Amino acid sequence: MQANDVVVSSWAELMNALYDIPRTVFHRYRSDFVYRGVADHSWGLETSLQRLCGDYVNVEGPMLRSFRKYAESGSIPADTLLVRLAVAQHHRLPTRVLDWTVSPKVALHFATAEEEHYDKDGVVWCVDVRQVHDLLPTPLQSILDDEYAFLFSVEMLPEVKTLKDLDSFGIKHGGFALFFEPPSLDARIVNQGAIMSVMPGARLCLNDFLESYPQIYRRIVIPKELKWEVRDKLDQDNVTERMLFPGLDGLSNWLKRYYGPGPGKAAPGNKPGAGKTSAPGPPLQDG
């Protein structure tokens, strides 16, 4: 466990931990946090690019360049770096991007959707993006301030066209985390309340950044014993694969779990293929 971990023991404690949102100056209950749910509390915030291992730093540019070159005409809606990264991440290309959501319950879905990890505690990462904004380089802060925003949209950084352009900010100003709203490419992104984060360097990991500023984040730990209750109540709230992944694949995944054997009936070690080994790591939230 980490110093910023909040371990809950019931659904009520979980809701209180996630929805402890103070009123704003406009007397609205609106959170400054974004959320990321993962099935195993031991997983960090490594990107899919970093989990590729090998010479991932040097293959990042060629992969993204080839993605742009061979993509179907019109499938990348604008020629800016954030758009290309968002589309590539959305379609499961390994990138330096991480997926987040503005919805605590969507994050809970991703922490409880994988039955093969029900023998492990899950976790929801909660990051205060308003405080992250205050840690951005001054030129980037000015853009947000001018737009009266605390999250970037892909239209706000048209001059950042390449990975080199982004990395130059890091070389000049040091490490930072940039959270942005991806374009509404399809219903998955819209229904999931998707947010993405990126850092100015392929080797940079958000774990290290957050540990340097512990006041801007916390983790809500969901004990493995609580996962089935959370899962069933999310289903009742209609937070399911059917809604988050519209289409027959999402519908099938929801039905498979909904009509499956349930808790204690299919232990992870007894499942077909349980003896296979693979590199650990969370799935892409928007995959």
Protein backbone atom coordinates (compact mmCIF):
# COMPACT_ATOMS: atom_id res chain seq x y z
CA MET A 1 0.00 0.00 0.00
CA GLN A 2 1.00 3.60 -0.56
CA ALA A 3 0.84 6.55 1.81
CA ASN A 4 -1.97 8.12 -0.24
CA ASP A 5 -4.12 4.98 -0.23
CA VAL A 6 -7.65 5.03 1.17
CA VAL A 7 -8.84 1.47 1.86
CA VAL A 8 -12.61 1.07 1.94
CA SER A 9 -14.57 -1.83 3.41
CA SER A 10 -18.10 -1.26 2.08
CA TRP A 11 -20.03 0.20 -0.84
CA ALA A 12 -21.06 3.15 1.36
CA GLU A 13 -17.43 3.93 2.26
CA LEU A 14 -16.46 3.63 -1.39
CA MET A 15 -19.14 6.10 -2.49
CA ASN A 16 -18.17 8.51 0.27
CA ALA A 17 -14.50 8.32 -0.72
CA LEU A 18 -15.20 8.91 -4.40
CA TYR A 19 -17.93 11.52 -4.05
CA ASP A 20 -16.56 13.64 -1.21
CA ILE A 21 -16.82 16.70 -3.44
CA PRO A 22 -16.92 20.15 -1.80
CA ARG A 23 -19.15 22.85 -3.21
CA THR A 24 -17.49 25.24 -5.62
CA VAL A 25 -17.65 29.04 -5.39
CA PHE A 26 -20.66 28.72 -7.74
CA HIS A 27 -22.38 26.43 -5.18
CA ARG A 28 -22.09 23.41 -7.47
CA TYR A 29 -20.77 19.97 -6.57
CA ARG A 30 -18.25 19.53 -9.36
CA SER A 31 -15.10 17.53 -8.93
CA ASP A 32 -11.62 18.72 -9.90
CA PHE A 33 -10.50 15.10 -10.15
CA VAL A 34 -10.09 12.64 -12.98
CA TYR A 35 -10.12 8.91 -12.31
CA ARG A 36 -8.45 5.73 -13.55
CA GLY A 37 -9.51 2.29 -12.39
CA VAL A 38 -7.26 -0.78 -12.55
CA ALA A 39 -7.97 -4.35 -11.47
CA ASP A 40 -4.76 -4.87 -9.49
CA HIS A 41 -3.62 -2.32 -6.91
CA SER A 42 0.02 -3.25 -7.56
CA TRP A 43 -0.12 -1.91 -11.12
CA GLY A 44 1.38 1.52 -11.60
CA LEU A 45 0.79 4.17 -14.24
CA GLU A 46 3.16 2.88 -16.90
CA THR A 47 1.99 3.64 -20.41
CA SER A 48 1.25 1.02 -23.04
CA LEU A 49 4.40 2.21 -24.81
CA GLN A 50 6.51 1.53 -21.72
CA ARG A 51 4.88 -1.89 -21.31
CA LEU A 52 6.03 -2.67 -24.86
CA CYS A 53 9.54 -2.92 -23.34
CA GLY A 54 12.57 -3.32 -25.59
CA ASP A 55 13.69 -0.21 -27.46
CA TYR A 56 10.35 1.52 -26.94
CA VAL A 57 11.84 5.03 -26.82
CA ASN A 58 13.26 4.79 -30.32
CA VAL A 59 10.30 2.99 -31.88
CA GLU A 60 7.72 5.49 -30.63
CA GLY A 61 8.33 7.98 -33.43
CA PRO A 62 8.37 5.42 -36.29
CA MET A 63 5.21 3.74 -34.96
CA LEU A 64 3.28 7.00 -34.76
CA ARG A 65 4.61 8.13 -38.14
CA SER A 66 3.58 4.85 -39.74
CA PHE A 67 0.18 5.03 -38.05
CA ARG A 68 -0.36 8.41 -39.66
CA LYS A 69 0.99 7.25 -43.02
CA TYR A 70 -1.12 4.10 -43.35
CA ALA A 71 -4.31 5.28 -41.65
CA GLU A 72 -7.38 5.37 -43.85
CA SER A 73 -8.00 8.79 -45.34
CA GLY A 74 -10.07 10.94 -42.98
CA SER A 75 -9.69 8.61 -39.98
CA ILE A 76 -7.40 11.10 -38.18
CA PRO A 77 -9.52 14.25 -38.02
CA ALA A 78 -6.72 16.82 -37.62
CA ASP A 79 -2.98 16.99 -38.12
CA THR A 80 -1.90 17.85 -34.60
CA LEU A 81 0.05 15.68 -32.18
CA LEU A 82 -2.69 15.39 -29.55
CA VAL A 83 -5.22 14.25 -32.15
CA ARG A 84 -2.84 11.65 -33.58
CA LEU A 85 -1.99 10.37 -30.10
CA ALA A 86 -5.67 10.23 -29.10
CA VAL A 87 -6.69 8.29 -32.22
CA ALA A 88 -3.71 5.93 -31.90
CA GLN A 89 -4.43 5.26 -28.21
CA HIS A 90 -8.11 4.74 -28.96
CA HIS A 91 -7.21 2.04 -31.48
CA ARG A 92 -4.71 0.28 -29.17
CA LEU A 93 -1.43 1.41 -30.67
CA PRO A 94 1.16 1.52 -27.85
CA THR A 95 1.55 5.21 -26.96
CA ARG A 96 2.78 7.43 -24.13
CA VAL A 97 -0.87 8.32 -23.40
CA LEU A 98 -2.87 7.13 -20.37
CA ASP A 99 -6.67 6.88 -20.29
CA TRP A 100 -8.72 8.55 -17.55
CA THR A 101 -12.36 9.44 -17.02
CA VAL A 102 -14.34 12.20 -15.36
CA SER A 103 -16.71 9.55 -13.92
CA PRO A 104 -15.84 7.72 -10.69
CA LYS A 105 -18.22 4.88 -11.57
CA VAL A 106 -16.68 4.42 -15.02
CA ALA A 107 -13.32 4.08 -13.25
CA LEU A 108 -14.91 1.52 -10.92
CA HIS A 109 -16.05 -0.44 -13.95
CA PHE A 110 -12.47 -0.82 -15.16
CA ALA A 111 -11.36 -1.81 -11.67
CA THR A 112 -13.96 -4.62 -11.50
CA ALA A 113 -14.61 -5.77 -15.08
CA GLU A 114 -11.93 -8.48 -15.28
CA GLU A 115 -12.92 -11.59 -13.38
CA GLU A 116 -9.46 -13.12 -13.76
CA HIS A 117 -8.22 -10.45 -11.31
CA TYR A 118 -10.89 -10.92 -8.65
CA ASP A 119 -8.28 -12.47 -6.38
CA LYS A 120 -6.53 -9.07 -6.16
CA ASP A 121 -7.48 -5.75 -4.63
CA GLY A 122 -8.41 -3.14 -7.21
CA VAL A 123 -7.75 0.57 -7.11
CA VAL A 124 -9.05 3.85 -8.47
CA TRP A 125 -6.44 6.55 -9.01
CA CYS A 126 -7.81 10.06 -8.38
CA VAL A 127 -5.82 13.06 -9.63
CA ASP A 128 -6.68 16.71 -8.99
CA VAL A 129 -6.22 18.25 -12.43
CA ARG A 130 -6.72 21.78 -11.13
CA GLN A 131 -3.59 21.37 -9.02
CA VAL A 132 -1.83 19.70 -11.95
CA HIS A 133 -2.63 22.85 -13.94
CA ASP A 134 -0.70 24.91 -11.38
CA LEU A 135 2.39 22.76 -12.02
CA LEU A 136 2.40 23.26 -15.79
CA PRO A 137 4.99 25.47 -17.51
CA THR A 138 3.84 29.10 -17.59
CA PRO A 139 3.15 29.15 -21.38
CA LEU A 140 0.79 26.18 -21.03
CA GLN A 141 -0.89 27.66 -17.95
CA SER A 142 -1.50 30.85 -19.93
CA ILE A 143 -3.30 28.95 -22.67
CA LEU A 144 -5.68 27.37 -20.15
CA ASP A 145 -6.20 30.65 -18.33
CA ASP A 146 -7.02 32.47 -21.58
CA GLU A 147 -9.59 29.77 -22.39
CA TYR A 148 -11.05 29.67 -18.84
CA ALA A 149 -10.31 25.94 -18.79
CA PHE A 150 -8.41 23.52 -16.61
CA LEU A 151 -8.23 20.73 -19.19
CA PHE A 152 -6.77 21.10 -22.65
CA SER A 153 -8.76 20.29 -25.74
CA VAL A 154 -6.91 19.06 -28.81
CA GLU A 155 -7.54 22.42 -30.52
CA MET A 156 -5.64 24.42 -27.89
CA LEU A 157 -2.12 23.33 -28.89
CA PRO A 158 -2.04 23.54 -32.70
CA GLU A 159 1.66 24.45 -32.67
CA VAL A 160 2.57 21.15 -30.98
CA LYS A 161 2.74 18.99 -34.10
CA THR A 162 5.44 16.45 -33.23
CA LEU A 163 6.75 14.46 -30.29
CA LYS A 164 9.88 16.59 -30.50
CA ASP A 165 7.77 19.73 -30.03
CA LEU A 166 6.23 18.25 -26.88
CA ASP A 167 9.51 16.95 -25.52
CA SER A 168 11.12 20.36 -25.99
CA PHE A 169 8.78 21.72 -23.31
CA GLY A 170 10.12 19.10 -20.93
CA ILE A 171 13.72 19.87 -21.79
CA LYS A 172 13.11 23.57 -21.19
CA HIS A 173 10.71 23.45 -18.22
CA GLY A 174 11.13 20.02 -16.61
CA GLY A 175 8.62 17.20 -16.26
CA PHE A 176 4.90 17.85 -16.16
CA ALA A 177 1.62 16.07 -16.87
CA LEU A 178 -0.78 17.41 -19.47
CA PHE A 179 -4.40 16.26 -19.26
CA PHE A 180 -6.58 16.76 -22.32
CA GLU A 181 -10.00 15.90 -23.70
CA PRO A 182 -9.78 13.67 -26.78
CA PRO A 183 -11.99 14.37 -29.78
CA SER A 184 -15.36 12.60 -29.76
CA LEU A 185 -14.24 9.94 -32.21
CA ASP A 186 -17.11 7.58 -31.39
CA ALA A 187 -19.64 6.65 -28.73
CA ARG A 188 -17.05 4.82 -26.62
CA ILE A 189 -15.10 7.99 -25.90
CA VAL A 190 -18.28 9.97 -25.23
CA ASN A 191 -19.94 7.37 -22.99
CA GLN A 192 -16.78 6.79 -20.97
CA GLY A 193 -16.27 10.49 -20.22
CA ALA A 194 -12.76 10.01 -21.55
CA ILE A 195 -9.77 12.13 -20.55
CA MET A 196 -6.17 11.43 -21.57
CA SER A 197 -2.82 12.38 -20.10
CA VAL A 198 0.59 12.70 -21.71
CA MET A 199 4.07 13.67 -20.52
CA PRO A 200 6.97 15.34 -22.37
CA GLY A 201 9.16 12.27 -22.70
CA ALA A 202 8.62 8.60 -23.50
CA ARG A 203 10.53 7.50 -20.41
CA LEU A 204 8.60 9.71 -18.01
CA CYS A 205 6.13 7.90 -15.78
CA LEU A 206 3.20 9.56 -14.07
CA ASN A 207 3.92 7.53 -10.91
CA ASP A 208 7.15 9.45 -10.36
CA PHE A 209 5.49 12.79 -11.03
CA LEU A 210 2.66 12.12 -8.56
CA GLU A 211 5.02 10.88 -5.87
CA SER A 212 6.80 14.25 -6.08
CA TYR A 213 3.49 16.03 -5.42
CA PRO A 214 1.51 13.75 -3.07
CA GLN A 215 -1.05 16.46 -2.36
CA ILE A 216 -2.52 16.18 -5.86
CA TYR A 217 -3.66 12.57 -5.84
CA ARG A 218 -5.01 9.66 -3.83
CA ARG A 219 -5.85 6.03 -4.51
CA ILE A 220 -9.08 4.36 -3.43
CA VAL A 221 -8.33 0.69 -2.76
CA ILE A 222 -11.16 -1.80 -3.36
CA PRO A 223 -10.56 -5.03 -1.41
CA LYS A 224 -11.03 -8.17 -3.47
CA GLU A 225 -13.80 -9.27 -1.11
CA LEU A 226 -15.81 -6.19 -2.13
CA LYS A 227 -15.40 -6.48 -5.89
CA TRP A 228 -18.49 -8.58 -6.65
CA GLU A 229 -20.77 -6.29 -4.68
CA VAL A 230 -19.34 -3.27 -6.50
CA ARG A 231 -19.69 -5.06 -9.83
CA ASP A 232 -23.34 -6.01 -9.27
CA LYS A 233 -24.27 -2.51 -8.12
CA LEU A 234 -22.56 -0.96 -11.13
CA ASP A 235 -24.64 -3.27 -13.32
CA GLN A 236 -27.75 -2.02 -11.56
CA ASP A 237 -26.61 1.56 -12.27
CA ASN A 238 -26.19 0.63 -15.97
CA VAL A 239 -22.42 1.15 -15.85
CA THR A 240 -21.61 -1.85 -18.01
CA GLU A 241 -19.76 -2.92 -21.14
CA ARG A 242 -23.05 -2.57 -23.01
CA MET A 243 -23.04 1.17 -22.36
CA LEU A 244 -19.30 1.90 -22.30
CA PHE A 245 -18.48 -0.14 -25.41
CA PRO A 246 -21.57 0.28 -27.61
CA GLY A 247 -21.91 -2.50 -30.14
CA LEU A 248 -22.14 -6.26 -30.23
CA ASP A 249 -18.73 -6.84 -28.62
CA GLY A 250 -19.60 -4.77 -25.56
CA LEU A 251 -23.05 -6.36 -25.36
CA SER A 252 -21.55 -9.85 -25.52
CA ASN A 253 -18.96 -9.10 -22.83
CA TRP A 254 -21.64 -7.76 -20.52
CA LEU A 255 -23.93 -10.75 -21.06
CA LYS A 256 -21.07 -13.22 -20.57
CA ARG A 257 -20.31 -11.76 -17.15
CA TYR A 258 -23.92 -11.06 -16.16
CA TYR A 259 -25.01 -14.63 -16.83
CA GLY A 260 -21.73 -16.15 -15.66
CA PRO A 261 -21.26 -18.28 -12.53
CA GLY A 262 -20.50 -15.35 -10.23
CA PRO A 263 -18.34 -15.13 -7.09
CA GLY A 264 -16.58 -18.23 -5.88
CA LYS A 265 -17.69 -20.33 -8.86
CA ALA A 266 -14.79 -19.72 -11.21
CA ALA A 267 -11.62 -19.08 -9.24
CA PRO A 268 -8.83 -17.53 -11.35
CA GLY A 269 -6.55 -20.53 -10.80
CA ASN A 270 -9.19 -22.95 -12.11
CA LYS A 271 -9.88 -21.15 -15.36
CA PRO A 272 -8.74 -22.58 -18.67
CA GLY A 273 -5.40 -21.08 -19.57
CA ALA A 274 -4.71 -19.95 -15.99
CA GLY A 275 -1.25 -21.48 -16.21
CA LYS A 276 -0.23 -19.20 -19.06
CA THR A 277 2.18 -16.43 -18.25
CA SER A 278 2.28 -12.97 -19.76
CA ALA A 279 3.60 -9.55 -18.88
CA PRO A 280 1.33 -7.99 -16.23
CA GLY A 281 -0.37 -4.72 -16.88
CA PRO A 282 -3.76 -3.07 -17.04
CA PRO A 283 -5.80 -3.07 -20.24
CA LEU A 284 -6.32 0.13 -22.15
CA GLN A 285 -9.24 1.85 -20.49
CA ASP A 286 -10.71 2.78 -23.84
CA GLY A 287 -9.61 -0.36 -25.66
